[in-house]
Amino acid sequence: MYNKLMNCLGSVKEKINFKPEVALILGSGLGDYADEIKIEQTIEYTEIKDFPVSTVKGHKGRFVFGYIEKTPVVIMQGRVHYYEGYQMSDVVLPTRLMGMLGAQKILLTNAAGGVNPSYHPGDFMMITDHITTGVPSPLIGPNLDELGTRFPDMSEVYSKRLQNVIKNCAKDCGIEIQEGVYVQFTGPNYETPAEVRLARSWGGDAVGMSTACEAMAARHMGLEVCGISCITNMAAGISKAELNHKEVQETADRVAKSFKELVTKIIVAI
């Protein structure tokens, strides 16, 4: 895996000489955010040797290098999911690659189902912690000693410092932001009502199919991590409505403008 990472790194560095400070992974509804920044260069995933390629419809598959105001960033426009059939080590390869390119901080975004009954579709939830019991750890297998220790501490995956930054930025934007625990399941199916009740009994507030594994890999290699979920629907059993991806996309699109404003403020502030 380390050789694979180095192949990807070498392939990217052949194409661009750019050192980002912050990495950003765009979830549903934020896909076109990268088109609005000051772009220096883009690299299609298919141009990178040994790189996993997203197969999800509507997810662009490229890295965007550029500036959000004066902050140099690398943006992942379209992520890879475990449910696409990739090994978990491949799912987190892009996260590790962005760290190896120089990013010291990472902002993870996603669309998620609300498990906390006080949430509503369109809410934003700052991730304070996560549960990955439902998916394999990306750290299983031989440890990549070049990146981090064999048994990394996960007592503060989501930086408390960055959580304070997010809260202040949300306040400046006039956005009421929820705070909660994100639970990652495998997908691609939505969770059953029983699984949602299980997630709630664990202390979860939102469920989804990405993000937590990326956060774990980022922390393993020493990146400072923060994350925000857009609650696009209430999870099965919380809502009586049948779940579908169209509803998720419609809600994400409806709040995209506010989400983009918040993301910009956070990137500049951190």
Protein backbone atom coordinates (compact mmCIF):
# COMPACT_ATOMS: atom_id res chain seq x y z
CA MET A 1 0.00 0.00 0.00
CA TYR A 2 2.84 2.42 0.75
CA ASN A 3 4.35 1.74 -2.67
CA LYS A 4 0.92 2.37 -4.21
CA LEU A 5 0.70 5.68 -2.34
CA MET A 6 4.16 6.68 -3.53
CA ASN A 7 3.20 5.84 -7.12
CA CYS A 8 0.15 8.11 -6.80
CA LEU A 9 2.23 10.84 -5.19
CA GLY A 10 4.85 10.68 -7.93
CA SER A 11 2.16 10.72 -10.60
CA VAL A 12 0.57 13.87 -9.14
CA LYS A 13 3.90 15.66 -8.62
CA GLU A 14 4.78 15.06 -12.26
CA LYS A 15 1.74 17.14 -13.18
CA ILE A 16 1.67 19.93 -10.59
CA ASN A 17 3.98 21.75 -8.18
CA PHE A 18 1.54 22.94 -5.52
CA LYS A 19 1.58 22.54 -1.74
CA PRO A 20 -1.87 22.75 -0.12
CA GLU A 21 -2.37 23.71 3.52
CA VAL A 22 -5.93 22.42 3.80
CA ALA A 23 -7.64 19.41 2.22
CA LEU A 24 -11.38 19.36 1.55
CA ILE A 25 -13.58 16.41 0.58
CA LEU A 26 -16.87 17.43 -0.99
CA GLY A 27 -20.05 15.52 -0.20
CA SER A 28 -23.40 15.51 -2.00
CA GLY A 29 -24.67 19.00 -2.77
CA LEU A 30 -21.20 20.55 -2.66
CA GLY A 31 -19.86 18.95 -5.82
CA ASP A 32 -19.65 22.18 -7.80
CA TYR A 33 -18.08 24.18 -4.96
CA ALA A 34 -14.61 23.51 -6.34
CA ASP A 35 -15.58 25.16 -9.63
CA GLU A 36 -16.07 28.46 -7.79
CA ILE A 37 -12.62 28.84 -6.23
CA LYS A 38 -9.47 30.31 -7.80
CA ILE A 39 -8.29 27.19 -9.61
CA GLU A 40 -4.61 26.66 -10.32
CA GLN A 41 -4.93 23.18 -11.81
CA THR A 42 -7.13 20.10 -11.90
CA ILE A 43 -6.12 16.46 -12.16
CA GLU A 44 -8.57 13.73 -13.14
CA TYR A 45 -8.38 10.61 -10.98
CA THR A 46 -7.94 8.58 -14.16
CA GLU A 47 -4.67 10.46 -14.80
CA ILE A 48 -3.14 9.23 -11.53
CA LYS A 49 -1.33 5.90 -11.56
CA ASP A 50 -2.94 3.25 -9.28
CA PHE A 51 -5.65 5.68 -8.07
CA PRO A 52 -9.18 4.37 -7.25
CA VAL A 53 -11.92 5.98 -9.34
CA SER A 54 -15.39 6.91 -8.07
CA THR A 55 -18.28 5.17 -9.84
CA VAL A 56 -21.13 7.13 -8.20
CA LYS A 57 -23.30 9.05 -10.65
CA GLY A 58 -23.05 12.80 -10.11
CA HIS A 59 -19.63 12.59 -8.41
CA LYS A 60 -16.90 14.26 -10.46
CA GLY A 61 -13.66 12.38 -10.21
CA ARG A 62 -10.84 14.88 -9.88
CA PHE A 63 -8.56 16.83 -7.59
CA VAL A 64 -8.82 20.61 -7.75
CA PHE A 65 -5.80 22.64 -6.62
CA GLY A 66 -6.23 26.32 -5.93
CA TYR A 67 -7.00 29.05 -3.43
CA ILE A 68 -9.97 29.80 -1.22
CA GLU A 69 -9.22 33.47 -0.67
CA LYS A 70 -5.51 33.22 0.22
CA THR A 71 -5.53 29.66 1.56
CA PRO A 72 -3.93 27.02 -0.71
CA VAL A 73 -6.22 23.99 -0.85
CA VAL A 74 -6.61 20.61 -2.49
CA ILE A 75 -10.22 19.61 -3.03
CA MET A 76 -11.46 16.10 -3.67
CA GLN A 77 -14.36 16.54 -6.07
CA GLY A 78 -15.96 13.11 -5.84
CA ARG A 79 -14.94 10.57 -3.20
CA VAL A 80 -14.54 6.79 -3.32
CA HIS A 81 -16.88 4.68 -1.18
CA TYR A 82 -16.44 1.26 0.40
CA TYR A 83 -19.73 0.09 -1.14
CA GLU A 84 -18.27 0.52 -4.63
CA GLY A 85 -16.27 -2.64 -3.98
CA TYR A 86 -12.90 -1.13 -3.11
CA GLN A 87 -10.77 -2.27 -0.21
CA MET A 88 -10.94 0.16 2.71
CA SER A 89 -7.26 0.94 2.19
CA ASP A 90 -8.14 2.19 -1.31
CA VAL A 91 -11.09 4.21 0.02
CA VAL A 92 -8.75 6.23 2.25
CA LEU A 93 -5.85 6.39 -0.22
CA PRO A 94 -6.97 9.84 -1.51
CA THR A 95 -7.05 11.19 2.06
CA ARG A 96 -3.55 9.92 2.71
CA LEU A 97 -2.36 11.29 -0.61
CA MET A 98 -3.62 14.79 0.21
CA GLY A 99 -1.71 14.62 3.49
CA MET A 100 1.44 13.51 1.69
CA LEU A 101 1.05 16.45 -0.69
CA GLY A 102 1.37 18.78 2.30
CA ALA A 103 -2.10 19.33 3.76
CA GLN A 104 -2.00 19.62 7.55
CA LYS A 105 -5.74 20.03 8.10
CA ILE A 106 -8.75 18.36 6.50
CA LEU A 107 -12.43 19.31 6.34
CA LEU A 108 -14.73 16.37 5.58
CA THR A 109 -18.27 16.96 4.35
CA ASN A 110 -21.10 14.56 3.57
CA ALA A 111 -24.82 14.05 3.20
CA ALA A 112 -26.25 12.05 6.11
CA GLY A 113 -29.46 10.66 7.48
CA GLY A 114 -30.74 12.15 10.72
CA VAL A 115 -31.03 9.70 13.63
CA ASN A 116 -31.53 12.32 16.33
CA PRO A 117 -35.29 13.05 16.25
CA SER A 118 -34.66 16.74 17.01
CA TYR A 119 -32.92 17.15 13.63
CA HIS A 120 -34.64 18.23 10.40
CA PRO A 121 -33.71 17.81 6.73
CA GLY A 122 -31.50 20.73 5.76
CA ASP A 123 -29.77 20.97 9.16
CA PHE A 124 -25.98 21.03 9.36
CA MET A 125 -24.29 18.86 11.98
CA MET A 126 -20.75 19.43 13.15
CA ILE A 127 -19.21 16.01 13.75
CA THR A 128 -17.88 15.77 17.30
CA ASP A 129 -17.08 12.04 17.21
CA HIS A 130 -17.83 8.94 15.16
CA ILE A 131 -18.62 5.24 15.38
CA THR A 132 -17.16 2.84 12.80
CA THR A 133 -18.33 -0.47 14.25
CA GLY A 134 -20.26 -1.12 11.03
CA VAL A 135 -17.24 -0.91 8.69
CA PRO A 136 -13.69 -2.31 8.68
CA SER A 137 -10.97 -0.04 10.00
CA PRO A 138 -8.77 1.43 7.25
CA LEU A 139 -5.81 0.67 9.51
CA ILE A 140 -6.26 -3.14 9.34
CA GLY A 141 -3.27 -4.91 7.81
CA PRO A 142 0.44 -4.08 7.93
CA ASN A 143 0.95 -0.68 9.51
CA LEU A 144 2.29 2.08 7.30
CA ASP A 145 5.03 3.12 9.70
CA GLU A 146 5.97 6.00 7.40
CA LEU A 147 2.56 7.57 8.12
CA GLY A 148 1.83 6.78 11.76
CA THR A 149 2.01 4.46 14.74
CA ARG A 150 0.55 0.94 14.83
CA PHE A 151 -1.93 1.80 17.62
CA PRO A 152 -2.99 5.44 17.11
CA ASP A 153 -4.94 7.30 19.77
CA MET A 154 -8.47 8.21 18.66
CA SER A 155 -9.64 10.06 21.77
CA GLU A 156 -9.91 13.29 19.76
CA VAL A 157 -10.41 12.43 16.10
CA TYR A 158 -12.24 15.71 15.43
CA SER A 159 -10.11 18.58 16.68
CA LYS A 160 -11.74 20.52 19.51
CA ARG A 161 -9.89 23.61 18.30
CA LEU A 162 -11.44 23.27 14.86
CA GLN A 163 -14.85 22.56 16.39
CA ASN A 164 -14.67 25.97 18.05
CA VAL A 165 -13.70 27.51 14.71
CA ILE A 166 -16.72 25.88 13.03
CA LYS A 167 -19.10 27.11 15.72
CA ASN A 168 -17.80 30.66 15.40
CA CYS A 169 -18.01 30.55 11.60
CA ALA A 170 -21.58 29.22 11.72
CA LYS A 171 -22.52 32.03 14.07
CA ASP A 172 -20.98 34.60 11.71
CA CYS A 173 -23.01 33.11 8.84
CA GLY A 174 -26.20 33.15 10.87
CA ILE A 175 -26.42 29.37 10.61
CA GLU A 176 -27.68 27.27 13.50
CA ILE A 177 -25.45 24.21 13.58
CA GLN A 178 -26.15 20.91 15.33
CA GLU A 179 -23.42 18.94 17.08
CA GLY A 180 -23.38 15.18 17.06
CA VAL A 181 -21.89 11.73 16.53
CA TYR A 182 -21.68 10.29 13.02
CA VAL A 183 -22.12 6.55 12.47
CA GLN A 184 -20.70 5.01 9.31
CA PHE A 185 -22.33 1.94 7.78
CA THR A 186 -21.28 0.22 4.57
CA GLY A 187 -24.15 1.13 2.22
CA PRO A 188 -25.14 1.26 -0.57
CA ASN A 189 -28.52 0.33 0.90
CA TYR A 190 -30.03 2.75 3.39
CA GLU A 191 -30.12 1.52 6.96
CA THR A 192 -33.07 -0.48 8.27
CA PRO A 193 -35.21 0.94 11.10
CA ALA A 194 -33.59 -1.60 13.46
CA GLU A 195 -30.10 -0.46 12.45
CA VAL A 196 -31.13 3.14 12.99
CA ARG A 197 -32.42 2.28 16.47
CA LEU A 198 -29.09 0.54 17.12
CA ALA A 199 -27.17 3.61 15.98
CA ARG A 200 -29.26 5.79 18.26
CA SER A 201 -28.71 3.44 21.22
CA TRP A 202 -24.97 3.70 20.60
CA GLY A 203 -25.22 7.47 20.89
CA GLY A 204 -25.29 8.27 17.17
CA ASP A 205 -27.00 11.35 15.77
CA ALA A 206 -26.52 10.81 12.04
CA VAL A 207 -25.74 7.89 9.74
CA GLY A 208 -23.95 7.69 6.42
CA MET A 209 -21.69 5.70 4.12
CA SER A 210 -18.39 7.63 4.20
CA THR A 211 -16.24 10.10 6.15
CA ALA A 212 -15.42 8.31 9.42
CA CYS A 213 -12.93 5.98 7.75
CA GLU A 214 -11.30 9.01 6.10
CA ALA A 215 -11.11 10.80 9.44
CA MET A 216 -9.45 7.78 11.02
CA ALA A 217 -6.81 7.56 8.29
CA ALA A 218 -6.17 11.30 8.53
CA ARG A 219 -5.67 11.17 12.28
CA HIS A 220 -3.36 8.17 11.93
CA MET A 221 -1.00 10.34 9.90
CA GLY A 222 -1.32 13.37 12.17
CA LEU A 223 -3.73 15.63 10.26
CA GLU A 224 -6.04 17.93 12.18
CA VAL A 225 -9.57 16.85 11.30
CA CYS A 226 -13.01 18.45 11.27
CA GLY A 227 -16.25 17.44 9.62
CA ILE A 228 -19.76 18.60 8.79
CA SER A 229 -22.79 16.55 7.76
CA CYS A 230 -25.70 17.96 5.85
CA ILE A 231 -28.79 16.18 7.19
CA THR A 232 -30.57 15.51 3.90
CA ASN A 233 -33.26 13.17 5.23
CA MET A 234 -34.44 11.54 8.41
CA ALA A 235 -33.29 7.93 8.67
CA ALA A 236 -35.59 4.91 8.35
CA GLY A 237 -37.97 4.59 11.28
CA ILE A 238 -37.43 8.20 12.32
CA SER A 239 -39.35 9.26 9.22
CA LYS A 240 -42.25 7.25 7.79
CA ALA A 241 -41.30 8.28 4.24
CA GLU A 242 -39.55 5.88 1.89
CA LEU A 243 -35.91 6.83 1.40
CA ASN A 244 -34.49 7.61 -2.02
CA HIS A 245 -31.38 9.28 -3.42
CA LYS A 246 -33.43 11.92 -5.25
CA GLU A 247 -34.68 13.29 -1.91
CA VAL A 248 -31.12 13.38 -0.60
CA GLN A 249 -29.91 15.31 -3.64
CA GLU A 250 -32.84 17.75 -3.59
CA THR A 251 -32.25 18.66 0.07
CA ALA A 252 -28.50 18.97 -0.47
CA ASP A 253 -29.09 21.27 -3.45
CA ARG A 254 -31.59 23.39 -1.47
CA VAL A 255 -29.06 24.24 1.26
CA ALA A 256 -25.96 24.22 -0.95
CA LYS A 257 -25.58 28.02 -0.95
CA SER A 258 -25.46 28.21 2.86
CA PHE A 259 -23.19 25.16 3.02
CA LYS A 260 -20.73 26.75 0.56
CA GLU A 261 -20.68 30.01 2.52
CA LEU A 262 -19.95 28.10 5.72
CA VAL A 263 -17.22 25.97 4.13
CA THR A 264 -15.47 29.06 2.75
CA LYS A 265 -15.47 30.77 6.17
CA ILE A 266 -14.15 27.61 7.86
CA ILE A 267 -11.32 27.06 5.36
CA VAL A 268 -10.15 30.66 5.69
CA ALA A 269 -10.41 30.56 9.50
CA ILE A 270 -8.49 27.32 10.00
